Amino acid sequence: MAKEKFEEALERLEDIVRKMEAGDMTLEESLKAFEEGIKLARLCSRRLDEAERRVEILLKQEEELVVRPFKVAENESES
């Protein structure tokens, strides 16, 4: 999972969630999938935190940090 891309990790996490929600996994498979899901969720969270810090740095103006919310495009939905 080292240097895994956010999008790849999120896609794998979504796949794990779908499989677990289907309820067709054994207990052992479910535990293994849950463990992987937790690792992926933490990875995604770290990547998002890093991106947020980078955006804040880019928005820094004259020693004062200006934090602005992202605007969601009309064709995208907020989740």
PDB file of N, CA and C in Angstrom:
ATOM      1  N   MET A   1       0.814  -1.202   0.000  1.00  0.00           N
ATOM      2  CA  MET A   1       0.000   0.000   0.000  1.00  0.00           C
ATOM      3  C   MET A   1       0.860   1.269   0.000  1.00  0.00           C
ATOM      4  N   ALA A   2       2.161   1.112   0.030  1.00  0.00           N
ATOM      5  CA  ALA A   2       3.033   2.272   0.048  1.00  0.00           C
ATOM      6  C   ALA A   2       2.835   3.101  -1.213  1.00  0.00           C
ATOM      7  N   LYS A   3       2.675   4.376  -1.035  1.00  0.00           N
ATOM      8  CA  LYS A   3       2.504   5.330  -2.137  1.00  0.00           C
ATOM      9  C   LYS A   3       1.291   5.008  -3.018  1.00  0.00           C
ATOM     10  N   GLU A   4       0.332   4.337  -2.468  1.00  0.00           N
ATOM     11  CA  GLU A   4      -0.882   4.041  -3.228  1.00  0.00           C
ATOM     12  C   GLU A   4      -1.630   5.345  -3.481  1.00  0.00           C
ATOM     13  N   LYS A   5      -2.172   5.474  -4.659  1.00  0.00           N
ATOM     14  CA  LYS A   5      -2.909   6.678  -5.003  1.00  0.00           C
ATOM     15  C   LYS A   5      -4.235   6.714  -4.268  1.00  0.00           C
ATOM     16  N   PHE A   6      -4.667   7.911  -3.930  1.00  0.00           N
ATOM     17  CA  PHE A   6      -5.921   8.107  -3.212  1.00  0.00           C
ATOM     18  C   PHE A   6      -7.074   7.456  -3.957  1.00  0.00           C
ATOM     19  N   GLU A   7      -7.155   7.694  -5.251  1.00  0.00           N
ATOM     20  CA  GLU A   7      -8.268   7.175  -6.039  1.00  0.00           C
ATOM     21  C   GLU A   7      -8.306   5.654  -6.034  1.00  0.00           C
ATOM     22  N   GLU A   8      -7.129   5.031  -6.127  1.00  0.00           N
ATOM     23  CA  GLU A   8      -7.054   3.571  -6.103  1.00  0.00           C
ATOM     24  C   GLU A   8      -7.476   3.023  -4.744  1.00  0.00           C
ATOM     25  N   ALA A   9      -7.016   3.675  -3.684  1.00  0.00           N
ATOM     26  CA  ALA A   9      -7.366   3.240  -2.333  1.00  0.00           C
ATOM     27  C   ALA A   9      -8.861   3.398  -2.088  1.00  0.00           C
ATOM     28  N   LEU A  10      -9.425   4.500  -2.534  1.00  0.00           N
ATOM     29  CA  LEU A  10     -10.852   4.738  -2.353  1.00  0.00           C
ATOM     30  C   LEU A  10     -11.685   3.727  -3.138  1.00  0.00           C
ATOM     31  N   GLU A  11     -11.261   3.430  -4.351  1.00  0.00           N
ATOM     32  CA  GLU A  11     -11.966   2.445  -5.176  1.00  0.00           C
ATOM     33  C   GLU A  11     -11.931   1.067  -4.520  1.00  0.00           C
ATOM     34  N   ARG A  12     -10.773   0.687  -4.000  1.00  0.00           N
ATOM     35  CA  ARG A  12     -10.652  -0.613  -3.315  1.00  0.00           C
ATOM     36  C   ARG A  12     -11.524  -0.630  -2.055  1.00  0.00           C
ATOM     37  N   LEU A  13     -11.542   0.472  -1.326  1.00  0.00           N
ATOM     38  CA  LEU A  13     -12.369   0.567  -0.117  1.00  0.00           C
ATOM     39  C   LEU A  13     -13.846   0.424  -0.465  1.00  0.00           C
ATOM     40  N   GLU A  14     -14.275   1.081  -1.525  1.00  0.00           N
ATOM     41  CA  GLU A  14     -15.672   0.970  -1.959  1.00  0.00           C
ATOM     42  C   GLU A  14     -16.010  -0.466  -2.359  1.00  0.00           C
ATOM     43  N   ASP A  15     -15.063  -1.140  -2.995  1.00  0.00           N
ATOM     44  CA  ASP A  15     -15.264  -2.542  -3.391  1.00  0.00           C
ATOM     45  C   ASP A  15     -15.426  -3.428  -2.146  1.00  0.00           C
ATOM     46  N   ILE A  16     -14.601  -3.196  -1.158  1.00  0.00           N
ATOM     47  CA  ILE A  16     -14.688  -3.960   0.088  1.00  0.00           C
ATOM     48  C   ILE A  16     -16.039  -3.744   0.753  1.00  0.00           C
ATOM     49  N   VAL A  17     -16.489  -2.499   0.801  1.00  0.00           N
ATOM     50  CA  VAL A  17     -17.775  -2.184   1.425  1.00  0.00           C
ATOM     51  C   VAL A  17     -18.913  -2.900   0.694  1.00  0.00           C
ATOM     52  N   ARG A  18     -18.887  -2.873  -0.633  1.00  0.00           N
ATOM     53  CA  ARG A  18     -19.926  -3.557  -1.415  1.00  0.00           C
ATOM     54  C   ARG A  18     -19.965  -5.048  -1.096  1.00  0.00           C
ATOM     55  N   LYS A  19     -18.789  -5.668  -1.064  1.00  0.00           N
ATOM     56  CA  LYS A  19     -18.715  -7.105  -0.784  1.00  0.00           C
ATOM     57  C   LYS A  19     -19.209  -7.421   0.619  1.00  0.00           C
ATOM     58  N   MET A  20     -18.855  -6.583   1.585  1.00  0.00           N
ATOM     59  CA  MET A  20     -19.286  -6.832   2.963  1.00  0.00           C
ATOM     60  C   MET A  20     -20.783  -6.613   3.108  1.00  0.00           C
ATOM     61  N   GLU A  21     -21.303  -5.607   2.418  1.00  0.00           N
ATOM     62  CA  GLU A  21     -22.745  -5.345   2.490  1.00  0.00           C
ATOM     63  C   GLU A  21     -23.558  -6.464   1.852  1.00  0.00           C
ATOM     64  N   ALA A  22     -22.974  -7.160   0.884  1.00  0.00           N
ATOM     65  CA  ALA A  22     -23.680  -8.260   0.237  1.00  0.00           C
ATOM     66  C   ALA A  22     -23.923  -9.408   1.213  1.00  0.00           C
ATOM     67  N   GLY A  23     -23.068  -9.512   2.239  1.00  0.00           N
ATOM     68  CA  GLY A  23     -23.265 -10.514   3.271  1.00  0.00           C
ATOM     69  C   GLY A  23     -22.902 -11.928   2.878  1.00  0.00           C
ATOM     70  N   ASP A  24     -22.136 -12.095   1.815  1.00  0.00           N
ATOM     71  CA  ASP A  24     -21.779 -13.438   1.339  1.00  0.00           C
ATOM     72  C   ASP A  24     -20.406 -13.905   1.816  1.00  0.00           C
ATOM     73  N   MET A  25     -19.804 -13.175   2.725  1.00  0.00           N
ATOM     74  CA  MET A  25     -18.457 -13.511   3.183  1.00  0.00           C
ATOM     75  C   MET A  25     -18.531 -14.296   4.491  1.00  0.00           C
ATOM     76  N   THR A  26     -17.531 -15.153   4.669  1.00  0.00           N
ATOM     77  CA  THR A  26     -17.425 -15.863   5.944  1.00  0.00           C
ATOM     78  C   THR A  26     -16.945 -14.876   7.000  1.00  0.00           C
ATOM     79  N   LEU A  27     -16.997 -15.279   8.243  1.00  0.00           N
ATOM     80  CA  LEU A  27     -16.532 -14.413   9.328  1.00  0.00           C
ATOM     81  C   LEU A  27     -15.064 -14.067   9.132  1.00  0.00           C
ATOM     82  N   GLU A  28     -14.260 -15.052   8.808  1.00  0.00           N
ATOM     83  CA  GLU A  28     -12.827 -14.813   8.619  1.00  0.00           C
ATOM     84  C   GLU A  28     -12.576 -13.865   7.442  1.00  0.00           C
ATOM     85  N   GLU A  29     -13.283 -14.057   6.348  1.00  0.00           N
ATOM     86  CA  GLU A  29     -13.150 -13.156   5.188  1.00  0.00           C
ATOM     87  C   GLU A  29     -13.593 -11.743   5.558  1.00  0.00           C
ATOM     88  N   SER A  30     -14.656 -11.651   6.310  1.00  0.00           N
ATOM     89  CA  SER A  30     -15.161 -10.343   6.737  1.00  0.00           C
ATOM     90  C   SER A  30     -14.155  -9.617   7.613  1.00  0.00           C
ATOM     91  N   LEU A  31     -13.547 -10.344   8.549  1.00  0.00           N
ATOM     92  CA  LEU A  31     -12.543  -9.726   9.424  1.00  0.00           C
ATOM     93  C   LEU A  31     -11.329  -9.256   8.634  1.00  0.00           C
ATOM     94  N   LYS A  32     -10.886 -10.077   7.694  1.00  0.00           N
ATOM     95  CA  LYS A  32      -9.746  -9.707   6.856  1.00  0.00           C
ATOM     96  C   LYS A  32     -10.082  -8.486   6.005  1.00  0.00           C
ATOM     97  N   ALA A  33     -11.275  -8.468   5.417  1.00  0.00           N
ATOM     98  CA  ALA A  33     -11.709  -7.334   4.598  1.00  0.00           C
ATOM     99  C   ALA A  33     -11.857  -6.081   5.455  1.00  0.00           C
ATOM    100  N   PHE A  34     -12.398  -6.240   6.664  1.00  0.00           N
ATOM    101  CA  PHE A  34     -12.559  -5.097   7.568  1.00  0.00           C
ATOM    102  C   PHE A  34     -11.199  -4.498   7.920  1.00  0.00           C
ATOM    103  N   GLU A  35     -10.235  -5.358   8.206  1.00  0.00           N
ATOM    104  CA  GLU A  35      -8.884  -4.890   8.534  1.00  0.00           C
ATOM    105  C   GLU A  35      -8.283  -4.102   7.361  1.00  0.00           C
ATOM    106  N   GLU A  36      -8.424  -4.639   6.160  1.00  0.00           N
ATOM    107  CA  GLU A  36      -7.914  -3.934   4.980  1.00  0.00           C
ATOM    108  C   GLU A  36      -8.660  -2.613   4.782  1.00  0.00           C
ATOM    109  N   GLY A  37      -9.976  -2.645   5.006  1.00  0.00           N
ATOM    110  CA  GLY A  37     -10.777  -1.432   4.868  1.00  0.00           C
ATOM    111  C   GLY A  37     -10.352  -0.339   5.826  1.00  0.00           C
ATOM    112  N   ILE A  38     -10.053  -0.709   7.064  1.00  0.00           N
ATOM    113  CA  ILE A  38      -9.589   0.273   8.052  1.00  0.00           C
ATOM    114  C   ILE A  38      -8.275   0.903   7.596  1.00  0.00           C
ATOM    115  N   LYS A  39      -7.360   0.074   7.111  1.00  0.00           N
ATOM    116  CA  LYS A  39      -6.073   0.595   6.620  1.00  0.00           C
ATOM    117  C   LYS A  39      -6.290   1.550   5.453  1.00  0.00           C
ATOM    118  N   LEU A  40      -7.172   1.179   4.538  1.00  0.00           N
ATOM    119  CA  LEU A  40      -7.454   2.033   3.376  1.00  0.00           C
ATOM    120  C   LEU A  40      -8.127   3.328   3.790  1.00  0.00           C
ATOM    121  N   ALA A  41      -9.060   3.253   4.737  1.00  0.00           N
ATOM    122  CA  ALA A  41      -9.746   4.461   5.214  1.00  0.00           C
ATOM    123  C   ALA A  41      -8.747   5.420   5.858  1.00  0.00           C
ATOM    124  N   ARG A  42      -7.820   4.883   6.620  1.00  0.00           N
ATOM    125  CA  ARG A  42      -6.789   5.733   7.248  1.00  0.00           C
ATOM    126  C   ARG A  42      -5.881   6.348   6.200  1.00  0.00           C
ATOM    127  N   LEU A  43      -5.520   5.564   5.188  1.00  0.00           N
ATOM    128  CA  LEU A  43      -4.690   6.077   4.100  1.00  0.00           C
ATOM    129  C   LEU A  43      -5.407   7.224   3.390  1.00  0.00           C
ATOM    130  N   CYS A  44      -6.685   7.021   3.064  1.00  0.00           N
ATOM    131  CA  CYS A  44      -7.459   8.063   2.391  1.00  0.00           C
ATOM    132  C   CYS A  44      -7.558   9.312   3.257  1.00  0.00           C
ATOM    133  N   SER A  45      -7.770   9.121   4.533  1.00  0.00           N
ATOM    134  CA  SER A  45      -7.871  10.252   5.450  1.00  0.00           C
ATOM    135  C   SER A  45      -6.562  11.038   5.489  1.00  0.00           C
ATOM    136  N   ARG A  46      -5.441  10.324   5.551  1.00  0.00           N
ATOM    137  CA  ARG A  46      -4.141  11.003   5.546  1.00  0.00           C
ATOM    138  C   ARG A  46      -3.929  11.779   4.255  1.00  0.00           C
ATOM    139  N   ARG A  47      -4.277  11.152   3.122  1.00  0.00           N
ATOM    140  CA  ARG A  47      -4.103  11.833   1.828  1.00  0.00           C
ATOM    141  C   ARG A  47      -4.960  13.102   1.758  1.00  0.00           C
ATOM    142  N   LEU A  48      -6.187  13.024   2.261  1.00  0.00           N
ATOM    143  CA  LEU A  48      -7.059  14.200   2.259  1.00  0.00           C
ATOM    144  C   LEU A  48      -6.514  15.286   3.182  1.00  0.00           C
ATOM    145  N   ASP A  49      -5.997  14.896   4.335  1.00  0.00           N
ATOM    146  CA  ASP A  49      -5.389  15.873   5.254  1.00  0.00           C
ATOM    147  C   ASP A  49      -4.194  16.558   4.600  1.00  0.00           C
ATOM    148  N   GLU A  50      -3.367  15.767   3.911  1.00  0.00           N
ATOM    149  CA  GLU A  50      -2.210  16.328   3.214  1.00  0.00           C
ATOM    150  C   GLU A  50      -2.650  17.312   2.132  1.00  0.00           C
ATOM    151  N   ALA A  51      -3.665  16.953   1.379  1.00  0.00           N
ATOM    152  CA  ALA A  51      -4.167  17.835   0.320  1.00  0.00           C
ATOM    153  C   ALA A  51      -4.718  19.122   0.920  1.00  0.00           C
ATOM    154  N   GLU A  52      -5.433  19.009   2.021  1.00  0.00           N
ATOM    155  CA  GLU A  52      -5.985  20.200   2.676  1.00  0.00           C
ATOM    156  C   GLU A  52      -4.862  21.126   3.139  1.00  0.00           C
ATOM    157  N   ARG A  53      -3.799  20.556   3.713  1.00  0.00           N
ATOM    158  CA  ARG A  53      -2.665  21.387   4.151  1.00  0.00           C
ATOM    159  C   ARG A  53      -2.003  22.071   2.958  1.00  0.00           C
ATOM    160  N   ARG A  54      -1.871  21.356   1.851  1.00  0.00           N
ATOM    161  CA  ARG A  54      -1.262  21.962   0.662  1.00  0.00           C
ATOM    162  C   ARG A  54      -2.113  23.112   0.135  1.00  0.00           C
ATOM    163  N   VAL A  55      -3.422  22.938   0.126  1.00  0.00           N
ATOM    164  CA  VAL A  55      -4.323  23.997  -0.334  1.00  0.00           C
ATOM    165  C   VAL A  55      -4.213  25.205   0.585  1.00  0.00           C
ATOM    166  N   GLU A  56      -4.169  24.961   1.893  1.00  0.00           N
ATOM    167  CA  GLU A  56      -4.054  26.074   2.837  1.00  0.00           C
ATOM    168  C   GLU A  56      -2.758  26.848   2.621  1.00  0.00           C
ATOM    169  N   ILE A  57      -1.680  26.133   2.343  1.00  0.00           N
ATOM    170  CA  ILE A  57      -0.411  26.801   2.079  1.00  0.00           C
ATOM    171  C   ILE A  57      -0.503  27.644   0.812  1.00  0.00           C
ATOM    172  N   LEU A  58      -1.146  27.095  -0.213  1.00  0.00           N
ATOM    173  CA  LEU A  58      -1.277  27.840  -1.468  1.00  0.00           C
ATOM    174  C   LEU A  58      -2.147  29.084  -1.314  1.00  0.00           C
ATOM    175  N   LEU A  59      -3.085  29.038  -0.374  1.00  0.00           N
ATOM    176  CA  LEU A  59      -3.973  30.183  -0.168  1.00  0.00           C
ATOM    177  C   LEU A  59      -3.410  31.208   0.816  1.00  0.00           C
ATOM    178  N   LYS A  60      -2.255  30.902   1.373  1.00  0.00           N
ATOM    179  CA  LYS A  60      -1.656  31.802   2.359  1.00  0.00           C
ATOM    180  C   LYS A  60      -1.308  33.129   1.683  1.00  0.00           C
ATOM    181  N   GLN A  61      -1.775  34.187   2.290  1.00  0.00           N
ATOM    182  CA  GLN A  61      -1.537  35.515   1.708  1.00  0.00           C
ATOM    183  C   GLN A  61      -0.972  36.434   2.790  1.00  0.00           C
ATOM    184  N   GLU A  62       0.195  36.972   2.527  1.00  0.00           N
ATOM    185  CA  GLU A  62       0.825  37.951   3.407  1.00  0.00           C
ATOM    186  C   GLU A  62       0.790  37.544   4.878  1.00  0.00           C
ATOM    187  N   GLU A  63       1.372  36.416   5.170  1.00  0.00           N
ATOM    188  CA  GLU A  63       1.478  35.914   6.541  1.00  0.00           C
ATOM    189  C   GLU A  63       0.139  35.602   7.195  1.00  0.00           C
ATOM    190  N   GLU A  64      -0.940  35.700   6.463  1.00  0.00           N
ATOM    191  CA  GLU A  64      -2.254  35.381   7.018  1.00  0.00           C
ATOM    192  C   GLU A  64      -2.869  34.274   6.174  1.00  0.00           C
ATOM    193  N   LEU A  65      -3.308  33.229   6.826  1.00  0.00           N
ATOM    194  CA  LEU A  65      -3.899  32.105   6.125  1.00  0.00           C
ATOM    195  C   LEU A  65      -5.355  32.407   5.809  1.00  0.00           C
ATOM    196  N   VAL A  66      -5.695  32.269   4.545  1.00  0.00           N
ATOM    197  CA  VAL A  66      -7.066  32.480   4.115  1.00  0.00           C
ATOM    198  C   VAL A  66      -7.607  31.122   3.692  1.00  0.00           C
ATOM    199  N   VAL A  67      -8.526  30.592   4.471  1.00  0.00           N
ATOM    200  CA  VAL A  67      -9.105  29.292   4.170  1.00  0.00           C
ATOM    201  C   VAL A  67     -10.457  29.513   3.515  1.00  0.00           C
ATOM    202  N   ARG A  68     -10.591  28.975   2.316  1.00  0.00           N
ATOM    203  CA  ARG A  68     -11.840  29.111   1.571  1.00  0.00           C
ATOM    204  C   ARG A  68     -12.397  27.728   1.293  1.00  0.00           C
ATOM    205  N   PRO A  69     -13.710  27.547   1.373  1.00  0.00           N
ATOM    206  CA  PRO A  69     -14.282  26.231   1.071  1.00  0.00           C
ATOM    207  C   PRO A  69     -14.197  25.935  -0.418  1.00  0.00           C
ATOM    208  N   PHE A  70     -14.089  24.648  -0.731  1.00  0.00           N
ATOM    209  CA  PHE A  70     -14.111  24.241  -2.122  1.00  0.00           C
ATOM    210  C   PHE A  70     -15.514  24.415  -2.661  1.00  0.00           C
ATOM    211  N   LYS A  71     -15.627  24.819  -3.904  1.00  0.00           N
ATOM    212  CA  LYS A  71     -16.936  24.908  -4.541  1.00  0.00           C
ATOM    213  C   LYS A  71     -17.114  23.658  -5.377  1.00  0.00           C
ATOM    214  N   VAL A  72     -18.266  23.025  -5.214  1.00  0.00           N
ATOM    215  CA  VAL A  72     -18.576  21.818  -5.963  1.00  0.00           C
ATOM    216  C   VAL A  72     -19.206  22.223  -7.280  1.00  0.00           C
ATOM    217  N   ALA A  73     -18.698  21.636  -8.358  1.00  0.00           N
ATOM    218  CA  ALA A  73     -19.233  21.940  -9.680  1.00  0.00           C
ATOM    219  C   ALA A  73     -20.694  21.500  -9.742  1.00  0.00           C
ATOM    220  N   GLU A  74     -21.448  22.127 -10.609  1.00  0.00           N
ATOM    221  CA  GLU A  74     -22.883  21.841 -10.718  1.00  0.00           C
ATOM    222  C   GLU A  74     -23.161  20.387 -11.048  1.00  0.00           C
ATOM    223  N   ASN A  75     -22.285  19.748 -11.820  1.00  0.00           N
ATOM    224  CA  ASN A  75     -22.518  18.356 -12.227  1.00  0.00           C
ATOM    225  C   ASN A  75     -22.007  17.362 -11.193  1.00  0.00           C
ATOM    226  N   GLU A  76     -21.439  17.836 -10.098  1.00  0.00           N
ATOM    227  CA  GLU A  76     -20.985  16.963  -9.025  1.00  0.00           C
ATOM    228  C   GLU A  76     -21.901  17.129  -7.832  1.00  0.00           C
ATOM    229  N   SER A  77     -22.056  16.070  -7.070  1.00  0.00           N
ATOM    230  CA  SER A  77     -22.888  16.157  -5.880  1.00  0.00           C
ATOM    231  C   SER A  77     -22.005  16.090  -4.660  1.00  0.00           C
ATOM    232  N   GLU A  78     -22.431  16.736  -3.604  1.00  0.00           N
ATOM    233  CA  GLU A  78     -21.713  16.672  -2.339  1.00  0.00           C
ATOM    234  C   GLU A  78     -22.103  15.391  -1.646  1.00  0.00           C
ATOM    235  N   SER A  79     -21.107  14.658  -1.155  1.00  0.00           N
ATOM    236  CA  SER A  79     -21.379  13.387  -0.466  1.00  0.00           C
ATOM    237  C   SER A  79     -20.967  13.490   0.973  1.00  0.00           C
TER     238      SER A  79
END
